Amino acid sequence: STLDEIVKEEIEGNVEIIIYGIINSIILSLMALGFTLVYSIARVPNFAHGALYITTGYITWILLNKLTGFPYPLAIAIAICVTAVIGALIYRFILIRVRGMEISEIIATYAIGLAILEGLRWGGLRGGTFTLPPFISGSVQLFGVSVDYQRLLIVGIGIVTFACLYLFTHFNRVGLALRGIAQDERAAMMLGIDSDMTAIVSLAIGSGLAGFAAILLLPLGNIIVEVGYNVLIFAIAVCVIGGLGSWGGTILASFIIGFAQILTEAFLSTHYQMVVALFAIIITLLIKPSGIFGKIGRASCRERV
């Protein structure tokens, strides 16, 4: 009887790791989706990604708590639209002036993100009192493992989001123009596609995706400035490991880091989750700097430097 109980506990523990590993991987891929899209199309590393993520959550919270009776769906729509507009404006008035200068792009976007996050902190975004309500309350038992409905909803909506983005970039005229710029900018421009306009659209969509991820994920925790920095690090880790600009690499890297974090949490502590992401970046840069599906080889990386 005791042996049966031990075996049962081990099986339940393994099932829990698999279920929460999948959930955590989808969460990481949602965090990195907007960052990947912007880089794959505009070749701009948007280091303001985490700040836009938090901005969406904070705008939603303000609409819900400062305006009595404001509808939750409308607050979400407004917050995502505002974030998308901010992303477009960042390119239109700042990045367009430094595009092509990689170091300047990084410095500019990081400075913008830092200004936004610290501005929110200065404006009162402190402590754990800022939270968003979950879409669905409660939990369910899956193979003996308790999982709340919000996380299941994240998995479902995440899969649908990936599918919709694929259809948009393969069967929509605007999406095809974005793919054309991503694959060969000069050839696309010869066909009449405006490079700067597609970059603005990509920043708007990427920022909107960051906001969309925030709306799904922030109900699991608090809206605090530190989350913005963490989201940026996780997004960079996923993109570096998968290969900057690679959609398949982003998803694969999300599952690698996602399961690594769950295993670390199960056998060590939750405090090591960030260490796992940073360690994964270092190992990738040492072994294969271009990432899993990166198109730039080790020799060409040196030549570009």
Protein backbone atom coordinates (compact mmCIF):
# COMPACT_ATOMS: atom_id res chain seq x y z
CA SER A 1 0.00 0.00 0.00
CA THR A 2 2.80 2.38 0.88
CA LEU A 3 4.64 1.49 -2.33
CA ASP A 4 1.48 2.15 -4.36
CA GLU A 5 1.11 5.55 -2.74
CA ILE A 6 4.74 6.44 -3.52
CA VAL A 7 4.31 5.41 -7.17
CA LYS A 8 1.08 7.37 -7.38
CA GLU A 9 2.74 10.48 -5.96
CA GLU A 10 5.63 10.17 -8.44
CA ILE A 11 3.21 9.84 -11.37
CA GLU A 12 1.20 12.83 -10.20
CA GLY A 13 4.42 14.81 -9.79
CA ASN A 14 5.50 13.96 -13.35
CA VAL A 15 2.07 14.84 -14.75
CA GLU A 16 2.17 18.15 -12.88
CA ILE A 17 5.57 18.97 -14.39
CA ILE A 18 4.28 18.19 -17.90
CA ILE A 19 1.07 20.21 -17.51
CA TYR A 20 2.68 23.25 -15.94
CA GLY A 21 5.66 22.95 -18.28
CA ILE A 22 3.32 23.30 -21.26
CA ILE A 23 1.49 26.21 -19.61
CA ASN A 24 4.73 27.99 -18.75
CA SER A 25 6.04 27.47 -22.29
CA ILE A 26 2.91 29.03 -23.82
CA ILE A 27 3.23 31.94 -21.39
CA LEU A 28 6.86 32.54 -22.44
CA SER A 29 6.00 32.35 -26.13
CA LEU A 30 3.24 34.93 -25.64
CA MET A 31 5.70 37.21 -23.84
CA ALA A 32 8.18 36.94 -26.70
CA LEU A 33 5.75 37.01 -29.63
CA GLY A 34 5.66 40.78 -30.10
CA PHE A 35 9.44 41.11 -29.68
CA THR A 36 10.02 38.41 -32.32
CA LEU A 37 7.58 39.95 -34.80
CA VAL A 38 9.18 43.40 -34.60
CA TYR A 39 12.70 42.07 -35.05
CA SER A 40 11.79 39.62 -37.84
CA ILE A 41 10.17 42.40 -39.91
CA ALA A 42 11.79 45.72 -38.98
CA ARG A 43 15.08 44.24 -37.69
CA VAL A 44 14.66 46.46 -34.64
CA PRO A 45 15.31 44.99 -31.16
CA ASN A 46 12.46 46.62 -29.24
CA PHE A 47 13.84 46.91 -25.71
CA ALA A 48 10.73 48.88 -24.73
CA HIS A 49 8.76 45.62 -25.01
CA GLY A 50 8.45 45.04 -21.25
CA ALA A 51 7.44 48.65 -20.62
CA LEU A 52 4.64 48.40 -23.20
CA TYR A 53 3.53 45.16 -21.54
CA ILE A 54 3.13 46.86 -18.15
CA THR A 55 1.62 50.00 -19.68
CA THR A 56 -1.26 47.97 -21.10
CA GLY A 57 -2.02 46.40 -17.75
CA TYR A 58 -1.85 49.73 -15.94
CA ILE A 59 -4.15 51.48 -18.42
CA THR A 60 -6.65 48.64 -18.06
CA TRP A 61 -6.45 48.88 -14.27
CA ILE A 62 -7.02 52.66 -14.36
CA LEU A 63 -10.09 52.30 -16.59
CA LEU A 64 -11.57 49.59 -14.37
CA ASN A 65 -10.85 51.23 -11.01
CA LYS A 66 -11.10 54.96 -11.70
CA LEU A 67 -14.18 54.83 -13.91
CA THR A 68 -17.02 53.09 -12.08
CA GLY A 69 -18.77 50.40 -14.08
CA PHE A 70 -16.39 50.60 -17.05
CA PRO A 71 -16.75 47.37 -19.11
CA TYR A 72 -13.76 45.04 -18.83
CA PRO A 73 -13.70 44.10 -22.57
CA LEU A 74 -13.79 47.77 -23.59
CA ALA A 75 -10.98 48.60 -21.14
CA ILE A 76 -8.89 45.81 -22.67
CA ALA A 77 -9.54 47.00 -26.22
CA ILE A 78 -8.66 50.62 -25.39
CA ALA A 79 -5.48 49.64 -23.52
CA ILE A 80 -4.21 47.43 -26.36
CA CYS A 81 -5.01 50.11 -28.97
CA VAL A 82 -3.19 52.78 -26.93
CA THR A 83 -0.16 50.51 -26.59
CA ALA A 84 -0.17 49.80 -30.33
CA VAL A 85 -0.28 53.54 -31.07
CA ILE A 86 2.62 54.14 -28.65
CA GLY A 87 4.65 51.50 -30.50
CA ALA A 88 3.93 53.13 -33.86
CA LEU A 89 4.85 56.56 -32.51
CA ILE A 90 8.13 55.23 -31.09
CA TYR A 91 9.19 54.25 -34.59
CA ARG A 92 7.73 57.26 -36.37
CA PHE A 93 9.45 59.89 -34.23
CA ILE A 94 12.52 58.12 -32.79
CA LEU A 95 13.57 54.84 -34.37
CA ILE A 96 13.18 56.10 -37.94
CA ARG A 97 16.10 58.46 -37.24
CA VAL A 98 18.46 55.73 -36.03
CA ARG A 99 17.26 52.75 -38.08
CA GLY A 100 20.14 50.65 -39.29
CA MET A 101 22.41 51.72 -36.44
CA GLU A 102 22.04 48.66 -34.21
CA ILE A 103 23.62 50.05 -31.06
CA SER A 104 21.59 53.25 -31.35
CA GLU A 105 18.39 51.23 -31.79
CA ILE A 106 19.09 49.26 -28.64
CA ILE A 107 19.99 52.36 -26.63
CA ALA A 108 16.96 54.29 -27.91
CA THR A 109 14.39 51.56 -27.23
CA TYR A 110 15.89 50.69 -23.85
CA ALA A 111 15.88 54.36 -22.84
CA ILE A 112 12.24 54.68 -23.88
CA GLY A 113 11.31 51.56 -21.93
CA LEU A 114 13.26 52.74 -18.89
CA ALA A 115 11.57 56.15 -19.03
CA ILE A 116 8.12 54.55 -19.26
CA LEU A 117 8.67 52.08 -16.41
CA GLU A 118 10.33 54.52 -14.05
CA GLY A 119 7.74 57.13 -15.00
CA LEU A 120 4.99 54.70 -13.97
CA ARG A 121 6.83 54.01 -10.71
CA TRP A 122 7.15 57.75 -10.06
CA GLY A 123 3.46 58.12 -10.87
CA GLY A 124 2.46 55.68 -8.13
CA LEU A 125 2.77 52.18 -9.59
CA ARG A 126 4.23 50.63 -6.45
CA GLY A 127 3.32 47.69 -4.25
CA GLY A 128 1.03 44.75 -4.94
CA THR A 129 -2.32 46.56 -4.93
CA PHE A 130 -2.59 46.76 -8.72
CA THR A 131 -4.22 43.60 -10.06
CA LEU A 132 -6.50 42.60 -12.92
CA PRO A 133 -9.41 40.21 -12.41
CA PRO A 134 -9.14 36.80 -14.11
CA PHE A 135 -11.42 36.16 -17.06
CA ILE A 136 -12.72 32.97 -15.40
CA SER A 137 -12.42 32.15 -11.71
CA GLY A 138 -11.99 28.69 -10.26
CA SER A 139 -9.95 25.62 -11.14
CA VAL A 140 -10.32 22.10 -12.49
CA GLN A 141 -8.58 18.76 -11.92
CA LEU A 142 -6.55 17.50 -14.90
CA PHE A 143 -5.17 13.99 -14.34
CA GLY A 144 -5.13 14.68 -10.63
CA VAL A 145 -3.47 18.09 -10.99
CA SER A 146 -5.32 21.27 -10.03
CA VAL A 147 -5.15 23.92 -12.78
CA ASP A 148 -7.01 27.22 -12.66
CA TYR A 149 -9.23 28.20 -15.57
CA GLN A 150 -7.21 31.34 -16.35
CA ARG A 151 -4.12 29.26 -17.20
CA LEU A 152 -6.18 26.90 -19.36
CA LEU A 153 -7.63 29.94 -21.11
CA ILE A 154 -4.10 31.25 -21.70
CA VAL A 155 -3.12 27.98 -23.39
CA GLY A 156 -6.22 27.97 -25.60
CA ILE A 157 -6.01 31.64 -26.59
CA GLY A 158 -2.25 31.32 -27.10
CA ILE A 159 -2.68 28.50 -29.61
CA VAL A 160 -5.42 30.43 -31.42
CA THR A 161 -3.20 33.54 -31.48
CA PHE A 162 -0.32 31.65 -33.10
CA ALA A 163 -2.68 30.21 -35.70
CA CYS A 164 -4.25 33.61 -36.47
CA LEU A 165 -0.84 35.24 -36.80
CA TYR A 166 0.24 32.51 -39.21
CA LEU A 167 -2.88 33.01 -41.33
CA PHE A 168 -2.40 36.80 -41.25
CA THR A 169 1.19 36.63 -42.48
CA HIS A 170 0.45 34.01 -45.18
CA PHE A 171 -2.97 34.94 -46.56
CA ASN A 172 -3.49 38.64 -45.83
CA ARG A 173 -2.18 41.37 -48.14
CA VAL A 174 -0.68 43.41 -45.30
CA GLY A 175 0.77 40.28 -43.72
CA LEU A 176 2.34 39.23 -47.02
CA ALA A 177 3.91 42.70 -47.36
CA LEU A 178 5.38 42.31 -43.87
CA ARG A 179 6.78 38.90 -44.81
CA GLY A 180 8.20 40.33 -48.02
CA ILE A 181 10.11 43.02 -46.12
CA ALA A 182 11.31 40.44 -43.61
CA GLN A 183 12.62 38.09 -46.31
CA ASP A 184 14.20 40.61 -48.71
CA GLU A 185 13.79 44.30 -47.96
CA ARG A 186 15.38 45.58 -51.18
CA ALA A 187 13.32 43.32 -53.42
CA ALA A 188 10.14 44.24 -51.55
CA MET A 189 10.90 47.96 -51.92
CA MET A 190 11.41 47.45 -55.68
CA LEU A 191 7.88 46.04 -55.79
CA GLY A 192 6.52 49.22 -54.19
CA ILE A 193 6.36 48.17 -50.52
CA ASP A 194 7.22 51.06 -48.20
CA SER A 195 9.86 49.88 -45.74
CA ASP A 196 9.21 52.56 -43.13
CA MET A 197 5.44 52.05 -43.26
CA THR A 198 5.79 48.30 -42.75
CA ALA A 199 8.14 49.00 -39.85
CA ILE A 200 5.52 51.27 -38.28
CA VAL A 201 2.87 48.58 -38.76
CA SER A 202 5.17 45.92 -37.30
CA LEU A 203 5.91 48.10 -34.22
CA ALA A 204 2.19 48.70 -33.77
CA ILE A 205 1.31 45.01 -34.09
CA GLY A 206 4.25 43.91 -31.94
CA SER A 207 3.34 46.41 -29.23
CA GLY A 208 -0.28 45.32 -29.44
CA LEU A 209 0.81 41.69 -29.00
CA ALA A 210 2.83 42.70 -25.94
CA GLY A 211 -0.29 44.34 -24.55
CA PHE A 212 -2.44 41.34 -25.46
CA ALA A 213 -0.04 39.06 -23.58
CA ALA A 214 -0.23 41.39 -20.57
CA ILE A 215 -4.01 41.20 -20.48
CA LEU A 216 -3.86 37.41 -20.46
CA LEU A 217 -0.97 36.99 -18.02
CA LEU A 218 -1.22 39.84 -15.51
CA PRO A 219 -4.33 38.37 -13.80
CA LEU A 220 -1.94 35.66 -12.56
CA GLY A 221 0.02 38.22 -10.52
CA ASN A 222 0.45 41.91 -9.76
CA ILE A 223 1.04 44.88 -12.04
CA ILE A 224 4.44 46.08 -10.88
CA VAL A 225 7.37 47.76 -12.62
CA GLU A 226 9.69 44.80 -11.98
CA VAL A 227 7.47 42.56 -14.12
CA GLY A 228 8.24 44.78 -17.10
CA TYR A 229 11.96 44.16 -16.71
CA ASN A 230 11.39 40.42 -16.24
CA VAL A 231 9.22 40.16 -19.35
CA LEU A 232 11.90 41.90 -21.41
CA ILE A 233 14.58 39.47 -20.16
CA PHE A 234 12.40 36.43 -20.85
CA ALA A 235 11.54 37.72 -24.34
CA ILE A 236 15.22 38.31 -25.13
CA ALA A 237 16.16 34.87 -23.77
CA VAL A 238 13.55 33.12 -25.91
CA CYS A 239 14.52 35.04 -29.05
CA VAL A 240 18.28 34.64 -28.58
CA ILE A 241 18.01 30.89 -27.96
CA GLY A 242 15.53 30.29 -30.78
CA GLY A 243 17.30 32.60 -33.22
CA LEU A 244 16.42 36.26 -33.60
CA GLY A 245 13.51 36.65 -35.99
CA SER A 246 12.71 32.91 -36.18
CA TRP A 247 9.09 32.02 -35.37
CA GLY A 248 9.80 28.30 -35.07
CA GLY A 249 12.83 29.03 -32.93
CA THR A 250 10.76 31.23 -30.63
CA ILE A 251 8.24 28.47 -29.96
CA LEU A 252 10.92 25.79 -29.50
CA ALA A 253 12.98 28.00 -27.20
CA SER A 254 9.86 28.80 -25.17
CA PHE A 255 9.35 25.10 -24.49
CA ILE A 256 13.03 24.57 -23.65
CA ILE A 257 13.12 27.43 -21.14
CA GLY A 258 9.56 26.77 -19.95
CA PHE A 259 10.24 23.16 -18.96
CA ALA A 260 13.68 24.05 -17.58
CA GLN A 261 12.07 26.62 -15.27
CA ILE A 262 9.39 24.19 -14.08
CA LEU A 263 11.99 21.51 -13.37
CA THR A 264 14.11 24.07 -11.51
CA GLU A 265 11.09 25.14 -9.49
CA ALA A 266 10.20 21.52 -8.69
CA PHE A 267 13.68 20.45 -7.56
CA LEU A 268 15.27 23.70 -6.40
CA SER A 269 13.30 26.93 -5.92
CA THR A 270 11.19 29.47 -7.80
CA HIS A 271 13.95 32.04 -7.18
CA TYR A 272 16.11 30.35 -9.84
CA GLN A 273 13.71 30.90 -12.77
CA MET A 274 15.44 34.10 -13.86
CA VAL A 275 18.82 32.42 -13.42
CA VAL A 276 17.71 29.68 -15.82
CA ALA A 277 16.83 32.25 -18.51
CA LEU A 278 20.10 34.16 -18.13
CA PHE A 279 22.16 30.96 -18.01
CA ALA A 280 20.43 29.73 -21.18
CA ILE A 281 21.39 32.97 -22.97
CA ILE A 282 25.05 32.58 -21.95
CA ILE A 283 25.21 28.93 -23.04
CA THR A 284 23.58 29.74 -26.40
CA LEU A 285 25.96 32.61 -27.10
CA LEU A 286 28.93 30.36 -26.29
CA ILE A 287 27.80 27.35 -28.34
CA LYS A 288 25.70 28.81 -31.17
CA PRO A 289 25.51 32.63 -31.14
CA SER A 290 22.91 32.72 -33.93
CA GLY A 291 20.46 30.58 -31.92
CA ILE A 292 18.81 27.26 -32.76
CA PHE A 293 17.26 28.40 -36.06
CA GLY A 294 19.42 31.46 -36.61
CA LYS A 295 20.59 32.03 -40.17
CA ILE A 296 23.89 33.69 -39.25
CA GLY A 297 26.77 31.30 -38.70
CA ARG A 298 29.61 31.70 -36.23
CA ALA A 299 32.09 32.96 -38.86
CA SER A 300 29.68 35.46 -40.38
CA CYS A 301 28.86 36.77 -36.89
CA ARG A 302 32.51 37.63 -36.43
CA GLU A 303 32.68 39.25 -39.86
CA ARG A 304 29.69 41.46 -39.05
CA VAL A 305 31.27 42.51 -35.78
